[in-house]
Protein backbone atom coordinates (compact mmCIF):
# COMPACT_ATOMS: atom_id res chain seq x y z
CA UNK A 1 22.76 1.52 36.84
CA UNK A 2 22.44 -0.18 33.52
CA UNK A 3 19.17 0.42 31.42
CA UNK A 4 17.13 -2.42 30.64
CA UNK A 5 15.03 -2.82 27.60
CA UNK A 6 12.60 -5.69 26.31
CA UNK A 7 14.18 -5.82 23.05
CA UNK A 8 17.38 -4.54 21.46
CA UNK A 9 18.46 -4.46 17.72
CA UNK A 10 21.99 -4.15 18.03
CA UNK A 11 24.29 -2.97 15.76
CA UNK A 12 22.29 -2.32 12.46
CA UNK A 13 22.36 0.25 10.08
CA UNK A 14 19.64 2.76 11.32
CA UNK A 15 17.67 4.73 8.50
CA UNK A 16 15.11 7.19 9.70
CA UNK A 17 14.79 11.31 10.71
CA UNK A 18 18.14 11.50 11.68
CA UNK A 19 19.96 10.07 8.31
CA UNK A 20 21.78 7.12 8.16
CA UNK A 21 23.99 5.78 10.51
CA UNK A 22 24.96 2.95 12.87
CA UNK A 23 22.95 2.13 15.91
CA UNK A 24 21.44 0.06 18.34
CA UNK A 25 17.59 0.28 19.11
CA UNK A 26 16.22 0.03 23.07
CA UNK A 27 12.01 -0.97 22.80
CA UNK A 28 10.01 -1.03 25.95
CA UNK A 29 6.75 -1.89 25.94
CA UNK A 30 6.43 -1.98 22.39
CA UNK A 31 7.44 1.51 21.54
CA UNK A 32 11.16 2.84 20.99
CA UNK A 33 12.64 4.02 24.23
CA UNK A 34 16.49 4.42 22.88
CA UNK A 35 18.25 4.99 19.74
CA UNK A 36 22.24 5.14 19.80
CA UNK A 37 24.90 3.54 21.88
CA UNK A 38 23.44 0.48 24.01
CA UNK A 39 26.15 -1.18 23.91
CA UNK A 40 25.92 -1.11 28.31
CA UNK A 41 22.09 -1.73 28.48
CA UNK A 42 20.78 -5.09 28.75
CA UNK A 43 17.47 -6.57 27.20
CA UNK A 44 15.00 -9.42 27.67
CA UNK A 45 15.94 -10.20 23.53
CA UNK A 46 18.83 -9.32 21.34
CA UNK A 47 18.71 -8.83 17.87
CA UNK A 48 22.06 -8.99 16.10
CA UNK A 49 21.84 -6.52 13.10
CA UNK A 50 24.95 -6.34 12.23
CA UNK A 51 25.90 -6.29 8.35
CA UNK A 52 22.34 -5.27 7.68
CA UNK A 53 19.85 -2.14 7.41
CA UNK A 54 17.20 -1.24 9.70
CA UNK A 55 14.68 0.78 8.29
CA UNK A 56 11.02 1.95 10.00
CA UNK A 57 8.38 -0.70 9.52
CA UNK A 58 7.03 -0.72 5.53
CA UNK A 59 3.18 0.43 5.41
CA UNK A 60 1.17 -0.67 2.51
CA UNK A 61 -1.06 2.07 2.23
CA UNK A 62 -3.56 -0.26 -0.59
CA UNK A 63 -4.39 -3.58 -0.46
CA UNK A 64 -7.14 -6.04 -1.02
CA UNK A 65 -7.70 -9.11 0.93
CA UNK A 66 -10.70 -10.35 -0.09
CA UNK A 67 -12.53 -10.90 2.78
CA UNK A 68 -15.41 -11.44 3.25
CA UNK A 69 -17.38 -12.74 -0.16
CA UNK A 70 -13.82 -13.91 -2.42
CA UNK A 71 -11.34 -15.94 -0.35
CA UNK A 72 -10.43 -18.67 -2.64
CA UNK A 73 -8.39 -15.63 -3.83
CA UNK A 74 -7.31 -14.35 -0.60
CA UNK A 75 -8.65 -13.93 2.98
CA UNK A 76 -7.14 -11.61 5.56
CA UNK A 77 -5.12 -14.37 7.40
CA UNK A 78 -2.70 -15.09 4.01
CA UNK A 79 -2.91 -11.63 2.94
CA UNK A 80 -1.10 -10.63 6.37
CA UNK A 81 1.02 -13.70 5.51
CA UNK A 82 2.16 -12.27 2.38
CA UNK A 83 2.83 -9.02 3.96
CA UNK A 84 5.06 -9.98 6.92
CA UNK A 85 7.22 -12.19 4.85
CA UNK A 86 7.75 -9.08 2.77
CA UNK A 87 8.52 -6.63 5.85
CA UNK A 88 5.17 -4.98 5.70
CA UNK A 89 4.23 -4.02 9.00
CA UNK A 90 0.97 -2.94 8.40
CA UNK A 91 -1.73 -2.54 6.04
CA UNK A 92 -4.50 -0.14 4.31
CA UNK A 93 -7.39 -2.39 3.11
CA UNK A 94 -10.12 -1.64 0.67
CA UNK A 95 -14.08 -2.07 0.59
CA UNK A 96 -14.30 -3.66 -2.54
CA UNK A 97 -15.34 -7.27 -1.04
CA UNK A 98 -18.80 -9.44 -0.97
CA UNK A 99 -20.64 -7.52 0.81
CA UNK A 100 -18.85 -4.14 0.35
CA UNK A 101 -17.62 -2.26 3.21
CA UNK A 102 -20.26 0.20 3.85
CA UNK A 103 -21.65 0.38 6.84
CA UNK A 104 -20.65 0.25 10.56
CA UNK A 105 -21.80 -3.41 10.27
CA UNK A 106 -19.62 -4.46 8.04
CA UNK A 107 -16.33 -2.37 9.36
CA UNK A 108 -16.57 -4.03 12.55
CA UNK A 109 -17.64 -7.78 10.56
CA UNK A 110 -13.92 -6.93 9.04
CA UNK A 111 -12.38 -5.90 12.49
CA UNK A 112 -13.94 -9.00 14.20
CA UNK A 113 -12.26 -10.64 11.44
CA UNK A 114 -9.01 -9.68 11.88
CA UNK A 115 -8.43 -10.30 15.42
CA UNK A 116 -6.74 -13.11 16.21
CA UNK A 117 -6.08 -13.88 12.74
CA UNK A 118 -4.33 -11.05 11.17
CA UNK A 119 -0.14 -11.33 11.22
CA UNK A 120 0.32 -7.31 11.08
CA UNK A 121 -1.51 -4.37 12.14
CA UNK A 122 -4.22 -3.31 9.65
CA UNK A 123 -7.05 -0.23 9.01
CA UNK A 124 -9.73 -0.66 6.81
CA UNK A 125 -11.51 1.35 4.38
CA UNK A 126 -15.23 2.10 4.00
CA UNK A 127 -16.44 2.67 0.50
CA UNK A 128 -18.08 5.61 -0.21
CA UNK A 129 -21.35 5.04 -2.49
CA UNK A 130 -24.61 7.56 -3.74
CA UNK A 131 -26.52 5.96 -0.73
CA UNK A 132 -24.72 5.94 2.53
CA UNK A 133 -22.77 9.60 2.06
CA UNK A 134 -24.51 11.27 5.02
CA UNK A 135 -23.28 8.70 7.45
CA UNK A 136 -19.99 8.72 5.78
CA UNK A 137 -18.89 11.57 8.26
CA UNK A 138 -19.78 9.09 11.28
CA UNK A 139 -18.16 6.17 9.65
CA UNK A 140 -15.01 7.59 8.91
CA UNK A 141 -14.51 8.29 12.89
CA UNK A 142 -14.88 4.64 13.80
CA UNK A 143 -11.67 2.68 14.93
CA UNK A 144 -10.01 0.91 12.83
CA UNK A 145 -10.87 3.32 9.95
CA UNK A 146 -8.32 4.67 7.54
CA UNK A 147 -10.93 6.69 5.66
CA UNK A 148 -13.36 6.44 2.90
CA UNK A 149 -12.41 5.39 -0.67
CA UNK A 150 -14.63 6.02 -3.73
CA UNK A 151 -14.22 4.31 -7.12
CA UNK A 152 -14.85 6.73 -9.49
CA UNK A 153 -14.46 4.20 -13.10
CA UNK A 154 -13.18 0.66 -12.65
CA UNK A 155 -16.11 -0.47 -9.78
CA UNK A 156 -19.24 -2.51 -10.42
CA UNK A 157 -22.51 -1.67 -8.27
CA UNK A 158 -22.64 0.52 -5.41
CA UNK A 159 -19.28 1.61 -4.88
CA UNK A 160 -19.30 3.63 -8.24
CA UNK A 161 -19.57 6.70 -8.07
CA UNK A 162 -18.99 7.97 -11.75
CA UNK A 163 -20.44 11.92 -11.36
CA UNK A 164 -19.14 15.09 -10.46
CA UNK A 165 -22.43 15.56 -8.04
CA UNK A 166 -21.83 12.10 -6.33
CA UNK A 167 -18.55 12.78 -5.75
CA UNK A 168 -19.21 16.38 -4.27
CA UNK A 169 -21.51 14.92 -2.05
CA UNK A 170 -19.06 12.54 -0.56
CA UNK A 171 -16.68 15.22 0.30
CA UNK A 172 -19.28 17.48 1.76
CA UNK A 173 -19.78 15.18 4.34
CA UNK A 174 -16.15 14.10 5.72
CA UNK A 175 -13.51 15.99 7.01
CA UNK A 176 -10.53 13.27 6.59
CA UNK A 177 -8.07 12.71 4.00
CA UNK A 178 -10.58 10.50 0.84
CA UNK A 179 -8.61 8.09 -1.65
CA UNK A 180 -10.44 7.73 -4.85
CA UNK A 181 -9.29 5.73 -8.03
CA UNK A 182 -9.29 8.22 -10.22
CA UNK A 183 -10.50 6.44 -13.81
CA UNK A 184 -13.48 8.88 -15.49
CA UNK A 185 -16.12 5.68 -16.25
CA UNK A 186 -18.08 7.95 -19.16
CA UNK A 187 -15.22 7.78 -21.36
CA UNK A 188 -13.92 4.01 -20.30
CA UNK A 189 -17.81 3.10 -21.00
CA UNK A 190 -17.39 4.83 -24.54
CA UNK A 191 -13.72 2.80 -25.25
CA UNK A 192 -14.86 -0.81 -23.85
CA UNK A 193 -15.50 -1.63 -27.65
CA UNK A 194 -11.70 -1.12 -28.36
CA UNK A 195 -10.81 -4.46 -26.54
CA UNK A 196 -9.41 -6.98 -28.69
CA UNK A 197 -9.99 -10.23 -27.93
CA UNK A 198 -7.23 -12.16 -26.05
CA UNK A 199 -5.31 -8.98 -27.03
CA UNK A 200 -3.97 -7.88 -24.04
CA UNK A 201 -1.89 -4.98 -25.29
CA UNK A 202 -5.51 -3.36 -26.15
CA UNK A 203 -6.06 -2.96 -21.86
CA UNK A 204 -3.97 0.44 -22.30
CA UNK A 205 -5.82 1.74 -24.85
CA UNK A 206 -9.25 0.92 -23.32
CA UNK A 207 -8.25 2.37 -19.95
CA UNK A 208 -6.05 4.95 -22.14
CA UNK A 209 -4.44 7.92 -20.37
CA UNK A 210 -6.80 10.36 -21.36
CA UNK A 211 -9.06 8.39 -19.13
CA UNK A 212 -7.14 9.12 -15.93
CA UNK A 213 -5.85 12.63 -16.48
CA UNK A 214 -9.68 13.95 -16.96
CA UNK A 215 -10.74 12.59 -14.03
CA UNK A 216 -8.18 13.74 -12.17
CA UNK A 217 -8.44 17.13 -13.22
CA UNK A 218 -12.51 17.25 -12.47
CA UNK A 219 -11.82 15.65 -9.20
CA UNK A 220 -8.82 18.48 -7.97
CA UNK A 221 -11.36 21.31 -9.07
CA UNK A 222 -14.06 19.55 -6.88
CA UNK A 223 -11.63 19.49 -4.12
CA UNK A 224 -10.34 22.75 -4.50
CA UNK A 225 -13.81 24.19 -4.70
CA UNK A 226 -14.87 22.37 -0.97
CA UNK A 227 -10.94 22.94 0.48
CA UNK A 228 -11.23 19.37 0.72
CA UNK A 229 -8.26 17.02 1.16
CA UNK A 230 -7.94 13.99 -1.85
CA UNK A 231 -5.54 11.23 -1.99
CA UNK A 232 -5.27 10.15 -6.07
CA UNK A 233 -4.09 5.93 -5.83
CA UNK A 234 -2.32 3.96 -8.48
CA UNK A 235 -1.28 7.79 -10.72
CA UNK A 236 -0.25 6.00 -13.89
CA UNK A 237 0.25 8.70 -16.06
CA UNK A 238 3.30 11.78 -16.72
CA UNK A 239 0.38 13.61 -17.62
CA UNK A 240 -1.25 13.44 -13.78
CA UNK A 241 2.30 13.78 -12.55
CA UNK A 242 3.13 17.17 -14.10
CA UNK A 243 -0.69 18.59 -13.31
CA UNK A 244 -0.72 17.38 -9.47
CA UNK A 245 2.76 18.99 -8.55
CA UNK A 246 0.42 22.39 -9.19
CA UNK A 247 -1.91 20.70 -6.40
CA UNK A 248 -0.40 20.04 -3.65
CA UNK A 249 -2.26 22.13 -1.17
CA UNK A 250 -4.96 19.23 -1.93
CA UNK A 251 -3.67 15.87 -3.37
CA UNK A 252 -1.46 13.43 -1.86
CA UNK A 253 -0.47 10.42 -4.51
CA UNK A 254 0.55 6.97 -4.55
CA UNK A 255 2.29 5.40 -7.08
CA UNK A 256 3.11 1.74 -7.46
CA UNK A 257 6.01 -0.82 -7.75
CA UNK A 258 4.44 -2.42 -10.65
CA UNK A 259 4.03 0.76 -12.51
CA UNK A 260 7.16 2.03 -11.48
CA UNK A 261 8.69 -1.67 -13.21
CA UNK A 262 6.86 -3.32 -15.80
CA UNK A 263 5.90 -1.56 -18.98
CA UNK A 264 3.44 -2.15 -22.29
CA UNK A 265 3.44 -3.65 -24.48
CA UNK A 266 6.34 -6.02 -23.54
CA UNK A 267 4.79 -6.80 -20.06
CA UNK A 268 1.36 -7.76 -21.70
CA UNK A 269 3.27 -9.83 -24.43
CA UNK A 270 5.04 -11.67 -21.52
CA UNK A 271 3.09 -11.95 -18.78
CA UNK A 272 -0.15 -11.58 -20.39
CA UNK A 273 -3.07 -11.81 -18.55
CA UNK A 274 -0.58 -11.39 -15.09
CA UNK A 275 0.17 -7.91 -16.17
CA UNK A 276 -3.68 -6.64 -16.90
CA UNK A 277 -4.85 -4.42 -13.68
CA UNK A 278 -6.67 -0.77 -13.42
CA UNK A 279 -5.34 1.53 -14.33
CA UNK A 280 -3.21 -0.11 -16.50
CA UNK A 281 0.45 -0.77 -17.05
CA UNK A 282 1.03 1.74 -19.74
CA UNK A 283 4.34 2.26 -21.79
CA UNK A 284 7.78 3.49 -20.98
CA UNK A 285 7.10 7.33 -21.26
CA UNK A 286 4.56 7.18 -19.02
CA UNK A 287 6.50 5.32 -16.48
CA UNK A 288 9.36 7.61 -17.05
CA UNK A 289 6.79 10.55 -15.81
CA UNK A 290 6.27 8.31 -12.50
CA UNK A 291 9.97 8.07 -11.93
CA UNK A 292 10.29 12.00 -12.06
CA UNK A 293 7.48 12.11 -9.76
CA UNK A 294 9.02 10.01 -7.36
CA UNK A 295 12.24 12.01 -7.90
CA UNK A 296 11.01 15.55 -7.41
CA UNK A 297 8.38 14.93 -4.29
CA UNK A 298 5.19 15.05 -6.03
CA UNK A 299 4.59 10.96 -5.11
CA UNK A 300 4.47 10.66 -1.43
CA UNK A 301 3.50 6.89 -0.76
CA UNK A 302 4.39 3.59 -2.16
CA UNK A 303 0.79 0.95 -2.30
CA UNK A 304 1.27 -2.21 -3.56
CA UNK A 305 -2.30 -2.53 -4.40
CA UNK A 306 -2.37 -6.43 -3.77
CA UNK A 307 -5.32 -7.30 -6.00
CA UNK A 308 -5.02 -10.98 -6.25
CA UNK A 309 -7.16 -13.18 -8.87
CA UNK A 310 -6.80 -16.86 -9.35
CA UNK A 311 -4.30 -18.28 -12.13
CA UNK A 312 -7.39 -19.70 -13.78
CA UNK A 313 -9.26 -16.40 -13.82
CA UNK A 314 -6.18 -14.73 -15.17
CA UNK A 315 -6.45 -17.55 -18.10
CA UNK A 316 -9.16 -16.39 -19.52
CA UNK A 317 -8.82 -14.51 -22.82
CA UNK A 318 -8.90 -10.52 -22.79
CA UNK A 319 -11.17 -9.10 -22.34
CA UNK A 320 -13.16 -11.68 -19.75
CA UNK A 321 -9.80 -11.81 -17.42
CA UNK A 322 -10.02 -9.73 -14.16
CA UNK A 323 -7.51 -7.03 -13.74
CA UNK A 324 -5.47 -6.69 -10.46
CA UNK A 325 -2.69 -8.56 -9.39
CA UNK A 326 -0.78 -9.54 -5.97
CA UNK A 327 2.02 -7.19 -4.46
CA UNK A 328 2.17 -6.90 -0.88
CA UNK A 329 5.03 -9.55 -0.32
CA UNK A 330 6.97 -7.83 -3.13
CA UNK A 331 6.72 -4.27 -2.74
CA UNK A 332 9.70 -3.56 -0.88
CA UNK A 333 12.51 -6.01 -2.48
CA UNK A 334 11.46 -4.90 -5.91
CA UNK A 335 11.85 -0.88 -4.31
CA UNK A 336 15.25 -1.85 -2.77
CA UNK A 337 16.04 -3.39 -5.88
CA UNK A 338 15.37 0.20 -7.75
CA UNK A 339 17.82 1.45 -4.75
CA UNK A 340 20.32 -1.04 -5.61
CA UNK A 341 20.17 0.11 -9.03
CA UNK A 342 19.82 3.95 -8.61
CA UNK A 343 16.62 4.90 -9.45
CA UNK A 344 16.06 6.45 -5.90
CA UNK A 345 17.70 6.67 -2.50
CA UNK A 346 16.90 4.40 0.75
CA UNK A 347 16.16 7.55 2.46
CA UNK A 348 13.50 8.57 -0.41
CA UNK A 349 12.09 4.90 0.00
CA UNK A 350 11.68 5.33 3.91
CA UNK A 351 9.79 7.91 3.02
CA UNK A 352 7.80 6.29 0.36
CA UNK A 353 6.81 3.62 2.45
CA UNK A 354 6.80 5.08 6.16
CA UNK A 355 7.06 8.41 6.36
CA UNK A 356 4.41 9.11 3.95
CA UNK A 357 1.58 7.47 5.27
CA UNK A 358 2.45 8.94 8.97
CA UNK A 359 2.39 12.39 7.33
CA UNK A 360 -0.73 11.78 4.92
CA UNK A 361 -3.07 9.65 7.10
CA UNK A 362 -2.27 10.67 10.35
CA UNK A 363 -1.22 7.72 11.84
CA UNK A 364 -1.50 8.10 15.86
CA UNK A 365 1.69 6.50 16.66
CA UNK A 366 3.15 4.54 13.38
CA UNK A 367 5.19 5.73 10.08
CA UNK A 368 8.50 7.10 12.48
CA UNK A 369 11.49 5.33 13.63
CA UNK A 370 11.88 7.29 16.93
CA UNK A 371 11.10 7.44 20.63
CA UNK A 372 7.84 6.95 21.49
CA UNK A 373 6.50 5.41 18.30
CA UNK A 374 5.14 1.77 18.08
CA UNK A 375 8.63 -0.09 17.76
CA UNK A 376 7.83 -0.97 14.18
CA UNK A 377 10.84 -2.38 12.54
CA UNK A 378 12.14 -3.79 8.76
CA UNK A 379 15.43 -5.18 8.81
CA UNK A 380 16.62 -5.54 5.13
CA UNK A 381 19.79 -7.10 3.75
CA UNK A 382 21.18 -5.02 0.68
CA UNK A 383 23.05 -7.46 -0.49
CA UNK A 384 20.75 -10.47 -0.57
CA UNK A 385 20.16 -11.06 -4.02
CA UNK A 386 16.87 -13.87 -4.53
CA UNK A 387 14.81 -14.38 -7.71
CA UNK A 388 11.56 -14.22 -7.53
CA UNK A 389 9.63 -17.34 -8.29
CA UNK A 390 5.59 -18.37 -8.35
CA UNK A 391 6.05 -20.96 -5.12
CA UNK A 392 7.24 -18.86 -3.13
CA UNK A 393 4.51 -16.41 -2.70
CA UNK A 394 2.38 -17.12 0.33
CA UNK A 395 -0.77 -15.02 -1.24
CA UNK A 396 -3.68 -18.16 -2.01
CA UNK A 397 -3.35 -17.07 -5.41
CA UNK A 398 0.31 -18.25 -5.81
CA UNK A 399 1.71 -16.24 -7.86
CA UNK A 400 3.30 -12.43 -9.19
CA UNK A 401 3.88 -10.73 -12.07
CA UNK A 402 7.80 -10.42 -11.63
CA UNK A 403 8.25 -14.00 -11.39
CA UNK A 404 11.79 -14.77 -12.50
CA UNK A 405 13.09 -10.91 -12.04
CA UNK A 406 16.67 -10.83 -9.97
CA UNK A 407 15.92 -8.97 -6.71
CA UNK A 408 18.32 -7.33 -5.07
CA UNK A 409 17.94 -6.59 -1.55
CA UNK A 410 15.72 -8.54 0.68
CA UNK A 411 13.44 -8.41 3.91
CA UNK A 412 15.33 -10.23 6.60
CA UNK A 413 12.92 -9.53 9.60
CA UNK A 414 9.51 -7.92 10.41
CA UNK A 415 9.14 -6.66 14.42
CA UNK A 416 5.70 -5.05 15.07
CA UNK A 417 5.28 -3.13 18.09
CA UNK A 418 8.40 -4.71 19.49
CA UNK A 419 7.81 -8.51 18.81
CA UNK A 420 9.94 -10.33 15.66
CA UNK A 421 6.81 -11.84 13.94
CA UNK A 422 9.00 -12.71 11.01
CA UNK A 423 12.66 -13.67 10.73
CA UNK A 424 14.43 -15.04 7.73
CA UNK A 425 11.43 -16.59 6.12
CA UNK A 426 9.24 -17.68 8.98
CA UNK A 427 6.74 -16.34 10.69
CA UNK A 428 7.53 -16.55 14.28
CA UNK A 429 4.80 -14.80 16.00
CA UNK A 430 1.61 -15.54 14.23
CA UNK A 431 -1.51 -13.37 14.69
CA UNK A 432 -0.62 -10.44 16.38
CA UNK A 433 -1.82 -8.02 14.67
CA UNK A 434 -4.08 -4.91 15.92
CA UNK A 435 -5.72 -1.96 14.26
CA UNK A 436 -3.87 1.08 13.05
CA UNK A 437 -4.90 4.29 15.41
CA UNK A 438 -5.28 7.42 13.87
CA UNK A 439 -4.76 11.35 15.20
CA UNK A 440 -7.84 12.61 13.82
CA UNK A 441 -9.82 9.85 15.41
CA UNK A 442 -8.32 9.07 18.87
CA UNK A 443 -10.80 8.46 21.41
CA UNK A 444 -11.00 9.31 24.36
CA UNK A 445 -9.77 6.59 27.36
């Protein structure tokens, strides 16, 4: 008797742990049930992927969706809409909202806000502070939590933990991998007078490479002394890549599409405030160092660091302009363009956008195009060519730093747990996002 599935994705070029090849994918009960020749099988729904490339669902492990408190920039619905239009099936959202996500009630509030509104699956970081350190071990084990996030620089208020004793206290109280914004706040404070009003090219001078490597060296020393796992977010310097290569036993590494694509001073001269983020876009030397980290395997994951601000905010003269840029919708097509231009393989991109997150964060059932995992797929047309335009961005702020760039490769469908959510630039099954599950926090039934 012929097998029957809920969904068959038929005839695409599948890229997964087995390599690349034409195959069918059978989905049953929201999970991958079969991969291979399913020509004799039937299904309630068939997706014809002939001529398309079928990847494991893209996971963006760093986004700022601004809700609660900053909804004029973004909210969980608009941010997740941008995500699925970009082929992203799951996001990890950051704690620097208003109020900050620093206690169980605030985490529960975000999960409640996400229910029946977010289009993609999701997990939320809790922020580490000097005040909540004793309870972090409890909070990091709550459902829907992807871990603890610490700002060593570039933040204000209670989310800033700039001192070694504070970082050590956070790490002593947790057992999961903690994520860090690694810039040395003491050095940043000393260098703030170097900002030249209205001159964005001074941004990477204020937040220089030494600020980053100095912080990362401090962080590695503490993590090693305590035997703790850490994740360095948005690494920007060649120095850090070389240093972190010797410390992979404790440290995982994130790079972003914007740091791999843009370079100063050209980006600041052309984009002005739109090019401003923390840590900053640096020069071509450091960009080349990041690509070396991609090539040699030091980089583990890609995150967009989607951090939108309005065009009006960005138009303020530097340094009054805020740092951060949208990116969840453009992460995949920007990186597919790098694939098309020979800077990395499609297999390596899959490792950075799905397998890496699965491995580093211990995702219980995501990040692998393999039988038994959630049926999350990102289906792309490697031959599609589009031009990035501000008006095509679903983020509430309505702009992209990649404006007018020619993309080579485009997401054509986003499938989450066996449901086609986005197809041909249209959301066709809204608001079905659910919390991501992690192996270290699985709760008994």
